[in-house]
Amino acid sequence: MQLAEPRPVRHQVQRLELRVNWGAVVEDLQCSGLSLRRIGELVDVAESTLRACRYGDMGHSKGERLITLWMQHTGHEREAIPLWDGLGCEP
């Protein structure tokens, strides 16, 4: 009786989905001199939504307005937007 060759072990790589780190975006805007109230006025988002987005996600149209404001006030390109993996680690 001949033993079968062992199968190679295939490690499945789990891809992490990176998301915008809204808390860092809002913090950057505040460091640039904007109050939370003013940020909300400029992007038509309630202050409570801006506070809550630090721990979650933002709707698409609100997020796009916030990203545009962030680019204008920080001078960064869109590709430099702060990201995170949802596990508390920044890439």
C-alpha atoms as a PDB file:
ATOM      1  CA  MET A   1       0.000   0.000   0.000  1.00  0.00           C
ATOM      2  CA  GLN A   2       1.362   3.341  -1.034  1.00  0.00           C
ATOM      3  CA  LEU A   3       0.676   6.451   1.048  1.00  0.00           C
ATOM      4  CA  ALA A   4      -0.811   9.443  -0.701  1.00  0.00           C
ATOM      5  CA  GLU A   5       1.313  12.548  -1.054  1.00  0.00           C
ATOM      6  CA  PRO A   6       0.294  15.169   1.472  1.00  0.00           C
ATOM      7  CA  ARG A   7      -1.646  18.038  -0.013  1.00  0.00           C
ATOM      8  CA  PRO A   8       0.014  21.406   0.147  1.00  0.00           C
ATOM      9  CA  VAL A   9      -1.495  23.646   2.774  1.00  0.00           C
ATOM     10  CA  ARG A  10      -3.177  26.661   1.258  1.00  0.00           C
ATOM     11  CA  HIS A  11      -3.503  29.592   3.538  1.00  0.00           C
ATOM     12  CA  GLN A  12      -6.474  31.690   2.788  1.00  0.00           C
ATOM     13  CA  VAL A  13      -5.588  35.345   2.927  1.00  0.00           C
ATOM     14  CA  GLN A  14      -8.355  37.462   4.312  1.00  0.00           C
ATOM     15  CA  ARG A  15      -8.527  40.848   2.661  1.00  0.00           C
ATOM     16  CA  LEU A  16      -9.150  43.732   4.969  1.00  0.00           C
ATOM     17  CA  GLU A  17     -11.512  46.343   3.678  1.00  0.00           C
ATOM     18  CA  LEU A  18     -10.079  49.762   4.345  1.00  0.00           C
ATOM     19  CA  ARG A  19     -12.526  52.538   5.120  1.00  0.00           C
ATOM     20  CA  VAL A  20     -12.238  56.244   5.581  1.00  0.00           C
ATOM     21  CA  ASN A  21     -11.287  57.111   9.139  1.00  0.00           C
ATOM     22  CA  TRP A  22     -13.958  59.762   9.624  1.00  0.00           C
ATOM     23  CA  GLY A  23     -12.766  60.590  13.118  1.00  0.00           C
ATOM     24  CA  ALA A  24      -9.320  61.489  11.771  1.00  0.00           C
ATOM     25  CA  VAL A  25     -10.880  63.522   8.938  1.00  0.00           C
ATOM     26  CA  VAL A  26     -12.959  65.562  11.399  1.00  0.00           C
ATOM     27  CA  GLU A  27      -9.958  65.946  13.711  1.00  0.00           C
ATOM     28  CA  ASP A  28      -7.807  67.212  10.818  1.00  0.00           C
ATOM     29  CA  LEU A  29     -10.481  69.773   9.980  1.00  0.00           C
ATOM     30  CA  GLN A  30     -10.661  70.915  13.588  1.00  0.00           C
ATOM     31  CA  CYS A  31      -6.857  71.223  13.688  1.00  0.00           C
ATOM     32  CA  SER A  32      -7.103  73.421  10.596  1.00  0.00           C
ATOM     33  CA  GLY A  33      -9.188  75.850  12.665  1.00  0.00           C
ATOM     34  CA  LEU A  34     -12.765  74.789  11.949  1.00  0.00           C
ATOM     35  CA  SER A  35     -15.173  74.155  14.791  1.00  0.00           C
ATOM     36  CA  LEU A  36     -17.417  71.111  14.703  1.00  0.00           C
ATOM     37  CA  ARG A  37     -20.373  73.448  14.218  1.00  0.00           C
ATOM     38  CA  ARG A  38     -18.709  75.153  11.225  1.00  0.00           C
ATOM     39  CA  ILE A  39     -17.772  71.827   9.634  1.00  0.00           C
ATOM     40  CA  GLY A  40     -21.407  70.757   9.955  1.00  0.00           C
ATOM     41  CA  GLU A  41     -22.607  73.998   8.367  1.00  0.00           C
ATOM     42  CA  LEU A  42     -20.185  73.730   5.455  1.00  0.00           C
ATOM     43  CA  VAL A  43     -21.092  70.139   4.561  1.00  0.00           C
ATOM     44  CA  ASP A  44     -24.750  70.290   5.652  1.00  0.00           C
ATOM     45  CA  VAL A  45     -24.351  67.612   8.323  1.00  0.00           C
ATOM     46  CA  ALA A  46     -25.588  67.757  11.912  1.00  0.00           C
ATOM     47  CA  GLU A  47     -22.934  68.080  14.620  1.00  0.00           C
ATOM     48  CA  SER A  48     -24.292  64.926  16.226  1.00  0.00           C
ATOM     49  CA  THR A  49     -23.656  63.038  12.972  1.00  0.00           C
ATOM     50  CA  LEU A  50     -20.063  64.304  12.917  1.00  0.00           C
ATOM     51  CA  ARG A  51     -19.575  63.164  16.518  1.00  0.00           C
ATOM     52  CA  ALA A  52     -21.109  59.756  15.796  1.00  0.00           C
ATOM     53  CA  CYS A  53     -19.125  59.178  12.591  1.00  0.00           C
ATOM     54  CA  ARG A  54     -15.979  58.846  14.702  1.00  0.00           C
ATOM     55  CA  TYR A  55     -17.283  55.424  15.679  1.00  0.00           C
ATOM     56  CA  GLY A  56     -18.978  54.360  12.471  1.00  0.00           C
ATOM     57  CA  ASP A  57     -19.560  55.186   8.880  1.00  0.00           C
ATOM     58  CA  MET A  58     -20.890  58.129   6.923  1.00  0.00           C
ATOM     59  CA  GLY A  59     -23.415  58.154   4.100  1.00  0.00           C
ATOM     60  CA  HIS A  60     -21.935  58.528   0.619  1.00  0.00           C
ATOM     61  CA  SER A  61     -23.047  62.060  -0.265  1.00  0.00           C
ATOM     62  CA  LYS A  62     -22.213  63.421   3.204  1.00  0.00           C
ATOM     63  CA  GLY A  63     -18.873  61.651   3.110  1.00  0.00           C
ATOM     64  CA  GLU A  64     -18.020  63.080  -0.300  1.00  0.00           C
ATOM     65  CA  ARG A  65     -18.763  66.608   0.932  1.00  0.00           C
ATOM     66  CA  LEU A  66     -16.632  66.020   3.997  1.00  0.00           C
ATOM     67  CA  ILE A  67     -13.743  64.668   1.892  1.00  0.00           C
ATOM     68  CA  THR A  68     -13.938  67.702  -0.409  1.00  0.00           C
ATOM     69  CA  LEU A  69     -13.828  70.045   2.588  1.00  0.00           C
ATOM     70  CA  TRP A  70     -10.913  68.059   4.052  1.00  0.00           C
ATOM     71  CA  MET A  71      -8.951  68.382   0.788  1.00  0.00           C
ATOM     72  CA  GLN A  72      -9.629  72.126   0.613  1.00  0.00           C
ATOM     73  CA  HIS A  73      -8.561  72.820   4.186  1.00  0.00           C
ATOM     74  CA  THR A  74      -5.595  70.459   4.468  1.00  0.00           C
ATOM     75  CA  GLY A  75      -4.182  70.828   0.960  1.00  0.00           C
ATOM     76  CA  HIS A  76      -3.943  67.038   0.671  1.00  0.00           C
ATOM     77  CA  GLU A  77      -4.979  64.989  -2.339  1.00  0.00           C
ATOM     78  CA  ARG A  78      -7.844  62.510  -2.066  1.00  0.00           C
ATOM     79  CA  GLU A  79      -5.385  59.596  -2.006  1.00  0.00           C
ATOM     80  CA  ALA A  80      -4.031  60.861   1.340  1.00  0.00           C
ATOM     81  CA  ILE A  81      -7.375  60.521   3.134  1.00  0.00           C
ATOM     82  CA  PRO A  82      -6.904  58.762   6.500  1.00  0.00           C
ATOM     83  CA  LEU A  83      -7.966  55.105   6.322  1.00  0.00           C
ATOM     84  CA  TRP A  84      -8.468  52.346   8.845  1.00  0.00           C
ATOM     85  CA  ASP A  85      -9.240  48.637   8.742  1.00  0.00           C
ATOM     86  CA  GLY A  86     -12.198  48.640  11.135  1.00  0.00           C
ATOM     87  CA  LEU A  87     -10.147  46.858  13.763  1.00  0.00           C
ATOM     88  CA  GLY A  88      -8.591  49.969  15.211  1.00  0.00           C
ATOM     89  CA  CYS A  89      -5.406  49.779  13.143  1.00  0.00           C
ATOM     90  CA  GLU A  90      -4.376  52.343  10.583  1.00  0.00           C
ATOM     91  CA  PRO A  91      -2.584  51.038   7.477  1.00  0.00           C
END
